[in-house]
Amino acid sequence: MKTVDGNDGFNAVGIGGSKPNAGTGLTTVKPKGNSRKYICPSCGCSVRATKTVHIMCADCMTMMVEV
């Protein structure tokens, strides 16, 4: 676990996914991605969405499935 201490009096705590800032001695915490990938089972075309959706491939007229 890493702590990010800013000069504003607040502390931020993050787990993993951090990398150091050049020359400052502080670390930044990168949030995890929340996107979902959908793919057409017929042609393989893919899209990403930030929430659960019902989406259809317009080329094949087939419902895309979440992978």
N, C-alpha and C. Protein backbone atom coordinates (compact mmCIF):
# COMPACT_ATOMS: atom_id res chain seq x y z
N MET A 1 0.85 -1.17 0.00
CA MET A 1 0.00 0.00 0.00
C MET A 1 0.90 1.23 0.00
N LYS A 2 0.55 2.26 -0.78
CA LYS A 2 1.34 3.47 -0.88
C LYS A 2 0.50 4.67 -0.49
N THR A 3 1.14 5.63 0.14
CA THR A 3 0.46 6.85 0.54
C THR A 3 1.00 8.01 -0.27
N VAL A 4 0.11 8.85 -0.75
CA VAL A 4 0.48 10.05 -1.48
C VAL A 4 0.22 11.22 -0.55
N ASP A 5 1.26 11.97 -0.22
CA ASP A 5 1.14 13.07 0.72
C ASP A 5 1.33 14.38 -0.04
N GLY A 6 0.28 15.15 -0.14
CA GLY A 6 0.35 16.44 -0.82
C GLY A 6 0.56 17.56 0.16
N ASN A 7 0.84 18.75 -0.32
CA ASN A 7 1.06 19.91 0.53
C ASN A 7 -0.24 20.55 0.99
N ASP A 8 -1.38 20.04 0.53
CA ASP A 8 -2.67 20.63 0.87
C ASP A 8 -3.28 20.06 2.15
N GLY A 9 -2.56 19.19 2.86
CA GLY A 9 -3.05 18.65 4.11
C GLY A 9 -3.86 17.37 3.96
N PHE A 10 -4.03 16.89 2.75
CA PHE A 10 -4.79 15.67 2.51
C PHE A 10 -3.84 14.54 2.14
N ASN A 11 -4.21 13.33 2.50
CA ASN A 11 -3.45 12.15 2.13
C ASN A 11 -4.34 11.25 1.28
N ALA A 12 -3.77 10.67 0.22
CA ALA A 12 -4.49 9.72 -0.62
C ALA A 12 -3.79 8.38 -0.50
N VAL A 13 -4.56 7.32 -0.34
CA VAL A 13 -3.99 5.99 -0.20
C VAL A 13 -4.44 5.16 -1.38
N GLY A 14 -3.49 4.45 -2.01
CA GLY A 14 -3.82 3.59 -3.14
C GLY A 14 -3.11 2.26 -3.02
N ILE A 15 -3.63 1.25 -3.70
CA ILE A 15 -3.03 -0.07 -3.71
C ILE A 15 -2.62 -0.38 -5.13
N GLY A 16 -1.31 -0.54 -5.36
CA GLY A 16 -0.80 -0.90 -6.69
C GLY A 16 -1.09 0.15 -7.74
N GLY A 17 -0.66 -0.11 -8.96
CA GLY A 17 -0.94 0.75 -10.09
C GLY A 17 -0.37 2.15 -9.98
N SER A 18 0.68 2.32 -9.20
CA SER A 18 1.23 3.65 -9.03
C SER A 18 2.59 3.74 -9.69
N LYS A 19 2.98 4.94 -10.04
CA LYS A 19 4.31 5.17 -10.57
C LYS A 19 4.82 6.50 -10.04
N PRO A 20 6.11 6.62 -9.85
CA PRO A 20 6.65 7.83 -9.24
C PRO A 20 6.61 9.03 -10.18
N ASN A 21 6.44 10.21 -9.58
CA ASN A 21 6.55 11.45 -10.33
C ASN A 21 8.01 11.84 -10.38
N ALA A 22 8.46 12.36 -11.49
CA ALA A 22 9.87 12.70 -11.67
C ALA A 22 10.30 13.79 -10.70
N GLY A 23 11.24 13.44 -9.81
CA GLY A 23 11.87 14.42 -8.94
C GLY A 23 11.05 14.91 -7.77
N THR A 24 9.79 14.49 -7.60
CA THR A 24 8.98 15.02 -6.51
C THR A 24 8.95 14.10 -5.31
N GLY A 25 9.27 12.81 -5.49
CA GLY A 25 9.20 11.87 -4.39
C GLY A 25 7.78 11.40 -4.10
N LEU A 26 6.80 11.88 -4.84
CA LEU A 26 5.40 11.50 -4.65
C LEU A 26 5.01 10.45 -5.69
N THR A 27 3.94 9.74 -5.43
CA THR A 27 3.43 8.79 -6.40
C THR A 27 2.01 9.16 -6.77
N THR A 28 1.61 8.82 -7.99
CA THR A 28 0.23 9.04 -8.43
C THR A 28 -0.46 7.69 -8.49
N VAL A 29 -1.73 7.66 -8.18
CA VAL A 29 -2.50 6.43 -8.18
C VAL A 29 -3.40 6.43 -9.40
N LYS A 30 -3.23 5.43 -10.26
CA LYS A 30 -4.02 5.32 -11.49
C LYS A 30 -5.26 4.47 -11.21
N PRO A 31 -6.47 4.98 -11.52
CA PRO A 31 -7.67 4.19 -11.27
C PRO A 31 -7.77 3.00 -12.22
N LYS A 32 -8.44 1.94 -11.77
CA LYS A 32 -8.65 0.77 -12.62
C LYS A 32 -9.67 1.10 -13.70
N GLY A 33 -9.53 0.46 -14.86
CA GLY A 33 -10.48 0.66 -15.94
C GLY A 33 -11.78 -0.05 -15.66
N ASN A 34 -12.88 0.56 -16.04
CA ASN A 34 -14.19 -0.04 -15.82
C ASN A 34 -14.90 -0.33 -17.14
N SER A 35 -14.16 -0.46 -18.22
CA SER A 35 -14.82 -0.69 -19.50
C SER A 35 -15.04 -2.18 -19.74
N ARG A 36 -16.05 -2.46 -20.53
CA ARG A 36 -16.38 -3.83 -20.92
C ARG A 36 -16.16 -3.95 -22.42
N LYS A 37 -15.71 -5.10 -22.87
CA LYS A 37 -15.47 -5.32 -24.29
C LYS A 37 -16.56 -6.23 -24.83
N TYR A 38 -17.14 -5.81 -25.95
CA TYR A 38 -18.17 -6.60 -26.64
C TYR A 38 -17.63 -6.96 -28.02
N ILE A 39 -17.94 -8.17 -28.47
CA ILE A 39 -17.46 -8.64 -29.77
C ILE A 39 -18.60 -9.31 -30.54
N CYS A 40 -18.59 -9.13 -31.86
CA CYS A 40 -19.57 -9.79 -32.71
C CYS A 40 -19.09 -11.22 -32.97
N PRO A 41 -19.91 -12.21 -32.64
CA PRO A 41 -19.48 -13.60 -32.86
C PRO A 41 -19.38 -13.98 -34.34
N SER A 42 -20.00 -13.20 -35.23
CA SER A 42 -19.96 -13.52 -36.66
C SER A 42 -18.72 -12.96 -37.36
N CYS A 43 -18.46 -11.65 -37.19
CA CYS A 43 -17.37 -11.02 -37.93
C CYS A 43 -16.18 -10.61 -37.07
N GLY A 44 -16.33 -10.63 -35.75
CA GLY A 44 -15.22 -10.31 -34.86
C GLY A 44 -15.04 -8.84 -34.56
N CYS A 45 -15.92 -7.99 -35.05
CA CYS A 45 -15.85 -6.56 -34.76
C CYS A 45 -16.03 -6.37 -33.26
N SER A 46 -15.28 -5.41 -32.65
CA SER A 46 -15.39 -5.23 -31.21
C SER A 46 -15.61 -3.77 -30.84
N VAL A 47 -16.24 -3.56 -29.69
CA VAL A 47 -16.46 -2.22 -29.14
C VAL A 47 -16.25 -2.29 -27.63
N ARG A 48 -16.05 -1.12 -27.02
CA ARG A 48 -15.93 -1.02 -25.56
C ARG A 48 -17.01 -0.10 -25.03
N ALA A 49 -17.51 -0.41 -23.85
CA ALA A 49 -18.53 0.41 -23.20
C ALA A 49 -18.20 0.53 -21.72
N THR A 50 -18.64 1.61 -21.09
CA THR A 50 -18.34 1.82 -19.68
C THR A 50 -19.41 1.23 -18.77
N LYS A 51 -20.47 0.70 -19.34
CA LYS A 51 -21.48 0.01 -18.55
C LYS A 51 -22.09 -1.10 -19.39
N THR A 52 -22.92 -1.92 -18.78
CA THR A 52 -23.55 -3.03 -19.49
C THR A 52 -24.54 -2.48 -20.51
N VAL A 53 -24.41 -2.92 -21.76
CA VAL A 53 -25.28 -2.46 -22.84
C VAL A 53 -25.74 -3.65 -23.68
N HIS A 54 -26.81 -3.45 -24.40
CA HIS A 54 -27.28 -4.42 -25.40
C HIS A 54 -26.98 -3.78 -26.75
N ILE A 55 -26.01 -4.34 -27.48
CA ILE A 55 -25.55 -3.72 -28.71
C ILE A 55 -25.53 -4.75 -29.84
N MET A 56 -25.86 -4.27 -31.04
CA MET A 56 -25.95 -5.15 -32.20
C MET A 56 -24.95 -4.70 -33.27
N CYS A 57 -24.31 -5.66 -33.92
CA CYS A 57 -23.42 -5.38 -35.05
C CYS A 57 -24.30 -5.05 -36.26
N ALA A 58 -24.14 -3.85 -36.79
CA ALA A 58 -24.97 -3.41 -37.93
C ALA A 58 -24.55 -4.11 -39.22
N ASP A 59 -23.33 -4.61 -39.30
CA ASP A 59 -22.88 -5.31 -40.51
C ASP A 59 -23.50 -6.70 -40.62
N CYS A 60 -23.60 -7.40 -39.47
CA CYS A 60 -24.10 -8.78 -39.47
C CYS A 60 -25.50 -8.94 -38.93
N MET A 61 -26.04 -7.86 -38.31
CA MET A 61 -27.34 -7.90 -37.65
C MET A 61 -27.36 -9.01 -36.58
N THR A 62 -26.26 -9.11 -35.82
CA THR A 62 -26.10 -10.09 -34.76
C THR A 62 -25.83 -9.37 -33.45
N MET A 63 -26.40 -9.87 -32.34
CA MET A 63 -26.14 -9.27 -31.04
C MET A 63 -24.69 -9.53 -30.64
N MET A 64 -24.02 -8.50 -30.13
CA MET A 64 -22.64 -8.64 -29.66
C MET A 64 -22.67 -9.27 -28.27
N VAL A 65 -21.60 -10.00 -27.94
CA VAL A 65 -21.49 -10.66 -26.64
C VAL A 65 -20.31 -10.06 -25.87
N GLU A 66 -20.47 -10.00 -24.54
CA GLU A 66 -19.41 -9.46 -23.68
C GLU A 66 -18.34 -10.53 -23.49
N VAL A 67 -17.07 -10.11 -23.62
CA VAL A 67 -15.95 -11.04 -23.39
C VAL A 67 -15.15 -10.63 -22.19
